[in-house]
Amino acid sequence: MSTYNMVKQEFIKKWITTLHMLDCSVEHPLNVTERKNAIKLSSDIAMAAARSGSTVWSRALISRSGNKTANKPVARRILKKARNRLKNRCLTLRRNGNFTAKSGVRKRTELLKSLVPGGELIKNKDYLIRETLDYIVYLRAQVDVMRTVAAVDSVTGNLTNDNK
């Protein structure tokens, strides 16, 4: 069995466990937004637990799991940072007349640090790249599992609707 499949299996085990814990801790029915945030939170905790806290990103996800800011939409933050980066790049080009490779690498490194949980704590660029690649593998496994769950849910949903 490939390592990637083992990662997905470990994630599924941990995710089921965290969903059960979440289900037991909820006292009232959740609305759609609360449910989405709870699923995302349990998924992040499961992903970090599958890595057993052996990486900076997994420890960062675990530590911020109790933090209320972890429930903000990630896409909005990423888009805002990308927009700001473009504005800053345009200002730099206008001021200096050129864009040096060194400053481009520095800006991209800072952006990468902001995207990887705990990345702002990493000083070594090689280690940052290793952490990022590891994080990507686990994110990919998370997405694959969630797509599979959604596909199964849509098929079983169609079956139950046909039976009515």
N, C-alpha and C. Protein backbone atom coordinates (compact mmCIF):
# COMPACT_ATOMS: atom_id res chain seq x y z
N MET A 1 0.85 -1.18 0.00
CA MET A 1 0.00 0.00 0.00
C MET A 1 0.89 1.24 0.00
N SER A 2 0.51 2.25 -0.78
CA SER A 2 1.35 3.44 -0.88
C SER A 2 1.25 4.29 0.38
N THR A 3 2.23 5.12 0.56
CA THR A 3 2.28 6.01 1.72
C THR A 3 1.09 6.97 1.71
N TYR A 4 0.72 7.46 0.52
CA TYR A 4 -0.39 8.40 0.42
C TYR A 4 -1.69 7.76 0.88
N ASN A 5 -1.93 6.51 0.51
CA ASN A 5 -3.13 5.81 0.97
C ASN A 5 -3.12 5.61 2.47
N MET A 6 -1.94 5.38 3.04
CA MET A 6 -1.83 5.25 4.49
C MET A 6 -2.16 6.58 5.16
N VAL A 7 -1.73 7.68 4.56
CA VAL A 7 -2.04 9.01 5.09
C VAL A 7 -3.56 9.22 5.09
N LYS A 8 -4.21 8.86 3.98
CA LYS A 8 -5.67 9.02 3.90
C LYS A 8 -6.37 8.14 4.93
N GLN A 9 -5.92 6.92 5.10
CA GLN A 9 -6.56 6.03 6.07
C GLN A 9 -6.40 6.56 7.49
N GLU A 10 -5.22 7.03 7.82
CA GLU A 10 -4.99 7.59 9.15
C GLU A 10 -5.86 8.83 9.37
N PHE A 11 -5.96 9.68 8.33
CA PHE A 11 -6.81 10.87 8.43
C PHE A 11 -8.27 10.47 8.67
N ILE A 12 -8.76 9.48 7.92
CA ILE A 12 -10.16 9.05 8.07
C ILE A 12 -10.42 8.56 9.49
N LYS A 13 -9.50 7.75 10.04
CA LYS A 13 -9.68 7.25 11.42
C LYS A 13 -9.77 8.41 12.41
N LYS A 14 -8.84 9.34 12.29
CA LYS A 14 -8.81 10.47 13.23
C LYS A 14 -10.03 11.37 13.03
N TRP A 15 -10.46 11.55 11.79
CA TRP A 15 -11.59 12.43 11.51
C TRP A 15 -12.88 11.84 12.09
N ILE A 16 -13.07 10.56 11.93
CA ILE A 16 -14.26 9.91 12.50
C ILE A 16 -14.26 10.09 14.01
N THR A 17 -13.11 9.90 14.63
CA THR A 17 -13.00 10.06 16.08
C THR A 17 -13.35 11.49 16.51
N THR A 18 -12.79 12.49 15.80
CA THR A 18 -13.06 13.89 16.19
C THR A 18 -14.51 14.26 15.91
N LEU A 19 -15.11 13.72 14.84
CA LEU A 19 -16.53 14.00 14.58
C LEU A 19 -17.41 13.41 15.68
N HIS A 20 -17.07 12.21 16.17
CA HIS A 20 -17.82 11.61 17.27
C HIS A 20 -17.70 12.45 18.54
N MET A 21 -16.47 12.91 18.82
CA MET A 21 -16.27 13.75 20.00
C MET A 21 -17.06 15.05 19.88
N LEU A 22 -17.05 15.63 18.68
CA LEU A 22 -17.79 16.87 18.44
C LEU A 22 -19.29 16.64 18.60
N ASP A 23 -19.78 15.54 18.06
CA ASP A 23 -21.20 15.22 18.13
C ASP A 23 -21.66 15.05 19.58
N CYS A 24 -20.81 14.45 20.40
CA CYS A 24 -21.15 14.24 21.81
C CYS A 24 -21.12 15.54 22.60
N SER A 25 -20.31 16.51 22.18
CA SER A 25 -20.16 17.75 22.94
C SER A 25 -21.21 18.79 22.60
N VAL A 26 -21.94 18.62 21.49
CA VAL A 26 -22.93 19.60 21.06
C VAL A 26 -24.24 19.35 21.80
N GLU A 27 -24.75 20.40 22.43
CA GLU A 27 -25.97 20.28 23.22
C GLU A 27 -27.22 20.67 22.45
N HIS A 28 -27.07 21.50 21.42
CA HIS A 28 -28.22 21.95 20.65
C HIS A 28 -27.94 21.74 19.15
N PRO A 29 -28.98 21.69 18.33
CA PRO A 29 -28.75 21.52 16.89
C PRO A 29 -27.97 22.69 16.31
N LEU A 30 -27.08 22.41 15.38
CA LEU A 30 -26.26 23.45 14.78
C LEU A 30 -26.91 23.98 13.52
N ASN A 31 -26.72 25.29 13.27
CA ASN A 31 -27.16 25.83 11.98
C ASN A 31 -26.11 25.47 10.93
N VAL A 32 -26.35 25.84 9.69
CA VAL A 32 -25.47 25.43 8.60
C VAL A 32 -24.05 25.98 8.77
N THR A 33 -23.92 27.23 9.15
CA THR A 33 -22.61 27.84 9.33
C THR A 33 -21.85 27.18 10.48
N GLU A 34 -22.53 26.97 11.59
CA GLU A 34 -21.89 26.31 12.72
C GLU A 34 -21.45 24.89 12.36
N ARG A 35 -22.29 24.20 11.60
CA ARG A 35 -21.97 22.84 11.18
C ARG A 35 -20.74 22.83 10.28
N LYS A 36 -20.69 23.77 9.32
CA LYS A 36 -19.55 23.88 8.41
C LYS A 36 -18.26 24.14 9.20
N ASN A 37 -18.33 25.09 10.13
CA ASN A 37 -17.15 25.41 10.94
C ASN A 37 -16.72 24.23 11.80
N ALA A 38 -17.69 23.50 12.34
CA ALA A 38 -17.38 22.34 13.17
C ALA A 38 -16.72 21.24 12.35
N ILE A 39 -17.21 21.01 11.13
CA ILE A 39 -16.61 20.00 10.26
C ILE A 39 -15.20 20.41 9.88
N LYS A 40 -14.99 21.67 9.55
CA LYS A 40 -13.65 22.16 9.20
C LYS A 40 -12.70 22.03 10.38
N LEU A 41 -13.17 22.42 11.55
CA LEU A 41 -12.34 22.33 12.75
C LEU A 41 -11.97 20.88 13.05
N SER A 42 -12.96 19.98 12.99
CA SER A 42 -12.67 18.57 13.27
C SER A 42 -11.74 17.99 12.22
N SER A 43 -11.88 18.44 10.98
CA SER A 43 -11.00 17.97 9.91
C SER A 43 -9.56 18.44 10.13
N ASP A 44 -9.40 19.71 10.51
CA ASP A 44 -8.05 20.22 10.79
C ASP A 44 -7.41 19.50 11.97
N ILE A 45 -8.19 19.27 13.02
CA ILE A 45 -7.66 18.56 14.19
C ILE A 45 -7.27 17.13 13.80
N ALA A 46 -8.11 16.48 12.99
CA ALA A 46 -7.82 15.12 12.56
C ALA A 46 -6.56 15.07 11.70
N MET A 47 -6.40 16.06 10.83
CA MET A 47 -5.22 16.11 9.97
C MET A 47 -3.96 16.28 10.81
N ALA A 48 -4.03 17.16 11.81
CA ALA A 48 -2.87 17.37 12.69
C ALA A 48 -2.62 16.15 13.56
N ALA A 49 -3.69 15.52 14.03
CA ALA A 49 -3.53 14.32 14.87
C ALA A 49 -2.96 13.16 14.07
N ALA A 50 -3.31 13.07 12.80
CA ALA A 50 -2.77 12.02 11.95
C ALA A 50 -1.26 12.19 11.79
N ARG A 51 -0.79 13.41 11.89
CA ARG A 51 0.65 13.69 11.80
C ARG A 51 1.32 13.59 13.17
N SER A 52 0.50 13.38 14.21
CA SER A 52 0.96 13.19 15.59
C SER A 52 1.76 14.36 16.14
N GLY A 53 1.50 15.55 15.64
CA GLY A 53 2.20 16.73 16.16
C GLY A 53 3.69 16.73 15.91
N SER A 54 4.13 15.98 14.89
CA SER A 54 5.57 15.89 14.64
C SER A 54 6.08 16.99 13.72
N THR A 55 5.20 17.85 13.23
CA THR A 55 5.61 18.96 12.37
C THR A 55 5.12 20.27 12.97
N VAL A 56 5.71 21.35 12.52
CA VAL A 56 5.32 22.67 13.01
C VAL A 56 3.87 22.96 12.64
N TRP A 57 3.48 22.65 11.40
CA TRP A 57 2.12 22.96 10.97
C TRP A 57 1.08 22.17 11.77
N SER A 58 1.38 20.93 12.11
CA SER A 58 0.39 20.14 12.87
C SER A 58 0.25 20.68 14.30
N ARG A 59 1.36 21.08 14.91
CA ARG A 59 1.29 21.66 16.25
C ARG A 59 0.56 23.00 16.22
N ALA A 60 0.76 23.79 15.15
CA ALA A 60 0.08 25.07 15.02
C ALA A 60 -1.43 24.88 14.86
N LEU A 61 -1.83 23.88 14.07
CA LEU A 61 -3.26 23.61 13.90
C LEU A 61 -3.89 23.18 15.22
N ILE A 62 -3.20 22.35 15.96
CA ILE A 62 -3.72 21.89 17.25
C ILE A 62 -3.83 23.05 18.23
N SER A 63 -2.80 23.90 18.27
CA SER A 63 -2.81 25.00 19.25
C SER A 63 -3.86 26.04 18.93
N ARG A 64 -4.15 26.26 17.66
CA ARG A 64 -5.15 27.28 17.33
C ARG A 64 -6.56 26.70 17.21
N SER A 65 -6.71 25.42 17.46
CA SER A 65 -8.04 24.80 17.33
C SER A 65 -9.03 25.39 18.33
N GLY A 66 -8.56 25.86 19.46
CA GLY A 66 -9.44 26.49 20.43
C GLY A 66 -9.63 27.97 20.19
N ASN A 67 -8.88 28.52 19.25
CA ASN A 67 -8.91 29.94 18.96
C ASN A 67 -10.10 30.28 18.06
N LYS A 68 -10.84 31.31 18.40
CA LYS A 68 -12.02 31.67 17.61
C LYS A 68 -11.66 32.17 16.21
N THR A 69 -10.45 32.73 16.01
CA THR A 69 -10.09 33.24 14.69
C THR A 69 -9.85 32.11 13.70
N ALA A 70 -9.73 30.89 14.16
CA ALA A 70 -9.50 29.77 13.24
C ALA A 70 -10.72 29.49 12.38
N ASN A 71 -11.90 30.03 12.76
CA ASN A 71 -13.11 29.76 12.00
C ASN A 71 -13.37 30.77 10.89
N LYS A 72 -12.48 31.75 10.69
CA LYS A 72 -12.67 32.71 9.61
C LYS A 72 -12.46 32.00 8.28
N PRO A 73 -13.18 32.44 7.25
CA PRO A 73 -12.99 31.79 5.95
C PRO A 73 -11.56 31.97 5.44
N VAL A 74 -10.89 30.87 5.18
CA VAL A 74 -9.50 30.90 4.76
C VAL A 74 -9.37 31.54 3.39
N ALA A 75 -10.30 31.25 2.52
CA ALA A 75 -10.21 31.79 1.15
C ALA A 75 -10.18 33.32 1.16
N ARG A 76 -11.00 33.93 2.01
CA ARG A 76 -11.04 35.39 2.06
C ARG A 76 -9.69 35.96 2.50
N ARG A 77 -9.07 35.31 3.50
CA ARG A 77 -7.76 35.79 3.96
C ARG A 77 -6.71 35.66 2.87
N ILE A 78 -6.72 34.53 2.17
CA ILE A 78 -5.72 34.32 1.12
C ILE A 78 -5.91 35.33 0.00
N LEU A 79 -7.16 35.54 -0.41
CA LEU A 79 -7.42 36.50 -1.49
C LEU A 79 -7.02 37.91 -1.07
N LYS A 80 -7.29 38.27 0.18
CA LYS A 80 -6.93 39.60 0.65
C LYS A 80 -5.41 39.78 0.64
N LYS A 81 -4.68 38.76 1.08
CA LYS A 81 -3.22 38.85 1.08
C LYS A 81 -2.68 38.93 -0.34
N ALA A 82 -3.27 38.16 -1.25
CA ALA A 82 -2.83 38.20 -2.64
C ALA A 82 -3.07 39.58 -3.24
N ARG A 83 -4.23 40.16 -2.93
CA ARG A 83 -4.55 41.50 -3.43
C ARG A 83 -3.55 42.52 -2.89
N ASN A 84 -3.26 42.45 -1.58
CA ASN A 84 -2.29 43.36 -0.97
C ASN A 84 -0.90 43.18 -1.57
N ARG A 85 -0.54 41.92 -1.84
CA ARG A 85 0.77 41.64 -2.43
C ARG A 85 0.89 42.30 -3.80
N LEU A 86 -0.17 42.22 -4.60
CA LEU A 86 -0.15 42.84 -5.92
C LEU A 86 -0.04 44.36 -5.80
N LYS A 87 -0.76 44.95 -4.85
CA LYS A 87 -0.67 46.40 -4.65
C LYS A 87 0.76 46.79 -4.27
N ASN A 88 1.35 46.03 -3.32
CA ASN A 88 2.71 46.34 -2.88
C ASN A 88 3.71 46.19 -4.01
N ARG A 89 3.52 45.17 -4.84
CA ARG A 89 4.45 44.95 -5.96
C ARG A 89 4.38 46.11 -6.93
N CYS A 90 3.16 46.59 -7.21
CA CYS A 90 3.00 47.72 -8.13
C CYS A 90 3.65 48.97 -7.56
N LEU A 91 3.50 49.21 -6.25
CA LEU A 91 4.14 50.37 -5.62
C LEU A 91 5.65 50.26 -5.69
N THR A 92 6.18 49.05 -5.45
CA THR A 92 7.63 48.83 -5.50
C THR A 92 8.15 49.08 -6.90
N LEU A 93 7.45 48.61 -7.90
CA LEU A 93 7.88 48.82 -9.29
C LEU A 93 7.87 50.30 -9.64
N ARG A 94 6.85 51.01 -9.18
CA ARG A 94 6.78 52.44 -9.48
C ARG A 94 7.89 53.21 -8.78
N ARG A 95 8.16 52.85 -7.51
CA ARG A 95 9.18 53.56 -6.75
C ARG A 95 10.58 53.28 -7.27
N ASN A 96 10.91 52.02 -7.44
CA ASN A 96 12.28 51.63 -7.78
C ASN A 96 12.52 51.55 -9.29
N GLY A 97 11.48 51.37 -10.04
CA GLY A 97 11.66 51.22 -11.48
C GLY A 97 12.01 49.79 -11.87
N ASN A 98 12.35 48.93 -10.90
CA ASN A 98 12.62 47.53 -11.19
C ASN A 98 12.24 46.67 -10.00
N PHE A 99 12.22 45.39 -10.23
CA PHE A 99 11.82 44.44 -9.20
C PHE A 99 12.97 43.45 -9.04
N THR A 100 13.69 43.54 -7.94
CA THR A 100 14.86 42.67 -7.77
C THR A 100 14.43 41.25 -7.40
N ALA A 101 15.22 40.29 -7.82
CA ALA A 101 14.92 38.88 -7.56
C ALA A 101 14.96 38.60 -6.06
N LYS A 102 15.87 39.22 -5.36
CA LYS A 102 16.01 38.98 -3.92
C LYS A 102 14.75 39.39 -3.16
N SER A 103 14.22 40.55 -3.50
CA SER A 103 13.01 41.00 -2.80
C SER A 103 11.82 40.13 -3.21
N GLY A 104 11.81 39.63 -4.44
CA GLY A 104 10.73 38.74 -4.88
C GLY A 104 10.74 37.43 -4.11
N VAL A 105 11.93 36.88 -3.89
CA VAL A 105 12.06 35.64 -3.13
C VAL A 105 11.64 35.88 -1.68
N ARG A 106 12.06 37.00 -1.12
CA ARG A 106 11.70 37.32 0.26
C ARG A 106 10.19 37.46 0.42
N LYS A 107 9.55 38.14 -0.51
CA LYS A 107 8.09 38.32 -0.43
C LYS A 107 7.36 36.99 -0.59
N ARG A 108 7.83 36.16 -1.50
CA ARG A 108 7.19 34.85 -1.70
C ARG A 108 7.40 33.95 -0.48
N THR A 109 8.56 34.06 0.14
CA THR A 109 8.83 33.28 1.35
C THR A 109 7.90 33.72 2.47
N GLU A 110 7.71 35.02 2.62
CA GLU A 110 6.80 35.53 3.65
C GLU A 110 5.36 35.09 3.37
N LEU A 111 4.95 35.10 2.11
CA LEU A 111 3.61 34.63 1.77
C LEU A 111 3.46 33.15 2.11
N LEU A 112 4.47 32.36 1.78
CA LEU A 112 4.44 30.93 2.08
C LEU A 112 4.35 30.71 3.59
N LYS A 113 5.11 31.48 4.35
CA LYS A 113 5.05 31.38 5.81
C LYS A 113 3.66 31.69 6.34
N SER A 114 2.96 32.61 5.68
CA SER A 114 1.62 32.97 6.14
C SER A 114 0.58 31.92 5.77
N LEU A 115 0.85 31.11 4.75
CA LEU A 115 -0.11 30.09 4.31
C LEU A 115 0.00 28.79 5.09
N VAL A 116 1.20 28.46 5.55
CA VAL A 116 1.43 27.21 6.29
C VAL A 116 1.23 27.50 7.77
N PRO A 117 0.36 26.75 8.45
CA PRO A 117 0.19 26.98 9.89
C PRO A 117 1.52 26.84 10.63
N GLY A 118 1.86 27.84 11.42
CA GLY A 118 3.12 27.83 12.15
C GLY A 118 4.31 28.23 11.30
N GLY A 119 4.08 28.55 10.04
CA GLY A 119 5.17 28.90 9.13
C GLY A 119 5.92 30.15 9.53
N GLU A 120 5.23 31.07 10.19
CA GLU A 120 5.91 32.31 10.61
C GLU A 120 6.99 32.05 11.65
N LEU A 121 6.98 30.87 12.27
CA LEU A 121 7.99 30.53 13.27
C LEU A 121 9.24 29.91 12.65
N ILE A 122 9.15 29.51 11.39
CA ILE A 122 10.26 28.81 10.73
C ILE A 122 11.20 29.82 10.08
N LYS A 123 12.47 29.73 10.42
CA LYS A 123 13.46 30.65 9.87
C LYS A 123 14.22 30.04 8.68
N ASN A 124 14.47 28.74 8.71
CA ASN A 124 15.24 28.06 7.68
C ASN A 124 14.36 27.81 6.45
N LYS A 125 14.80 28.29 5.28
CA LYS A 125 13.99 28.16 4.06
C LYS A 125 13.84 26.71 3.62
N ASP A 126 14.88 25.91 3.78
CA ASP A 126 14.78 24.49 3.40
C ASP A 126 13.76 23.77 4.27
N TYR A 127 13.79 24.07 5.56
CA TYR A 127 12.84 23.44 6.48
C TYR A 127 11.42 23.91 6.17
N LEU A 128 11.26 25.18 5.81
CA LEU A 128 9.96 25.72 5.44
C LEU A 128 9.40 24.98 4.22
N ILE A 129 10.24 24.71 3.25
CA ILE A 129 9.79 23.99 2.06
C ILE A 129 9.40 22.56 2.41
N ARG A 130 10.18 21.89 3.26
CA ARG A 130 9.83 20.53 3.68
C ARG A 130 8.50 20.51 4.42
N GLU A 131 8.30 21.46 5.33
CA GLU A 131 7.04 21.55 6.07
C GLU A 131 5.87 21.82 5.12
N THR A 132 6.08 22.69 4.14
CA THR A 132 5.04 23.03 3.18
C THR A 132 4.65 21.81 2.36
N LEU A 133 5.64 21.06 1.89
CA LEU A 133 5.35 19.86 1.10
C LEU A 133 4.60 18.83 1.93
N ASP A 134 4.98 18.66 3.18
CA ASP A 134 4.28 17.73 4.06
C ASP A 134 2.84 18.19 4.28
N TYR A 135 2.66 19.46 4.49
CA TYR A 135 1.32 20.03 4.70
C TYR A 135 0.45 19.83 3.46
N ILE A 136 1.04 20.00 2.29
CA ILE A 136 0.30 19.82 1.04
C ILE A 136 -0.19 18.38 0.90
N VAL A 137 0.65 17.42 1.26
CA VAL A 137 0.26 16.00 1.18
C VAL A 137 -0.96 15.76 2.07
N TYR A 138 -0.94 16.29 3.27
CA TYR A 138 -2.06 16.09 4.19
C TYR A 138 -3.30 16.86 3.75
N LEU A 139 -3.14 18.04 3.19
CA LEU A 139 -4.29 18.78 2.66
C LEU A 139 -4.92 18.02 1.49
N ARG A 140 -4.07 17.47 0.65
CA ARG A 140 -4.58 16.71 -0.49
C ARG A 140 -5.37 15.49 -0.02
N ALA A 141 -4.86 14.81 0.98
CA ALA A 141 -5.57 13.65 1.54
C ALA A 141 -6.91 14.11 2.13
N GLN A 142 -6.90 15.23 2.82
CA GLN A 142 -8.13 15.77 3.41
C GLN A 142 -9.16 16.05 2.31
N VAL A 143 -8.74 16.68 1.24
CA VAL A 143 -9.66 17.01 0.14
C VAL A 143 -10.18 15.73 -0.52
N ASP A 144 -9.30 14.76 -0.77
CA ASP A 144 -9.73 13.51 -1.39
C ASP A 144 -10.77 12.79 -0.54
N VAL A 145 -10.54 12.73 0.76
CA VAL A 145 -11.48 12.06 1.65
C VAL A 145 -12.81 12.81 1.66
N MET A 146 -12.77 14.13 1.74
CA MET A 146 -14.01 14.91 1.77
C MET A 146 -14.78 14.78 0.46
N ARG A 147 -14.08 14.73 -0.67
CA ARG A 147 -14.75 14.52 -1.95
C ARG A 147 -15.42 13.15 -1.99
N THR A 148 -14.74 12.15 -1.47
CA THR A 148 -15.32 10.81 -1.44
C THR A 148 -16.57 10.79 -0.56
N VAL A 149 -16.48 11.43 0.60
CA VAL A 149 -17.64 11.48 1.50
C VAL A 149 -18.80 12.21 0.82
N ALA A 150 -18.51 13.31 0.15
CA ALA A 150 -19.56 14.07 -0.54
C ALA A 150 -20.17 13.25 -1.67
N ALA A 151 -19.35 12.51 -2.41
CA ALA A 151 -19.86 11.68 -3.50
C ALA A 151 -20.75 10.56 -2.95
N VAL A 152 -20.32 9.92 -1.88
CA VAL A 152 -21.13 8.86 -1.26
C VAL A 152 -22.43 9.43 -0.73
N ASP A 153 -22.35 10.60 -0.12
CA ASP A 153 -23.55 11.25 0.41
C ASP A 153 -24.53 11.58 -0.70
N SER A 154 -24.04 12.07 -1.84
CA SER A 154 -24.95 12.41 -2.93
C SER A 154 -25.59 11.16 -3.53
N VAL A 155 -24.84 10.06 -3.59
CA VAL A 155 -25.40 8.81 -4.11
C VAL A 155 -26.44 8.26 -3.15
N THR A 156 -26.12 8.23 -1.87
CA THR A 156 -27.09 7.70 -0.89
C THR A 156 -28.28 8.64 -0.75
N GLY A 157 -28.07 9.92 -0.92
CA GLY A 157 -29.16 10.88 -0.90
C GLY A 157 -30.12 10.64 -2.05
N ASN A 158 -29.57 10.35 -3.24
CA ASN A 158 -30.42 10.04 -4.40
C ASN A 158 -31.19 8.74 -4.18
N LEU A 159 -30.55 7.78 -3.54
CA LEU A 159 -31.22 6.50 -3.30
C LEU A 159 -32.38 6.66 -2.33
N THR A 160 -32.19 7.45 -1.27
CA THR A 160 -33.27 7.64 -0.30
C THR A 160 -34.40 8.46 -0.90
N ASN A 161 -34.08 9.42 -1.78
CA ASN A 161 -35.12 10.21 -2.44
C ASN A 161 -35.92 9.35 -3.42
N ASP A 162 -35.27 8.38 -4.08
CA ASP A 162 -35.96 7.49 -5.02
C ASP A 162 -36.91 6.55 -4.30
N ASN A 163 -36.57 6.20 -3.07
CA ASN A 163 -37.40 5.27 -2.30
C ASN A 163 -38.65 5.92 -1.73
N LYS A 164 -38.69 7.24 -1.68
CA LYS A 164 -39.85 7.94 -1.09
C LYS A 164 -41.01 8.02 -2.04
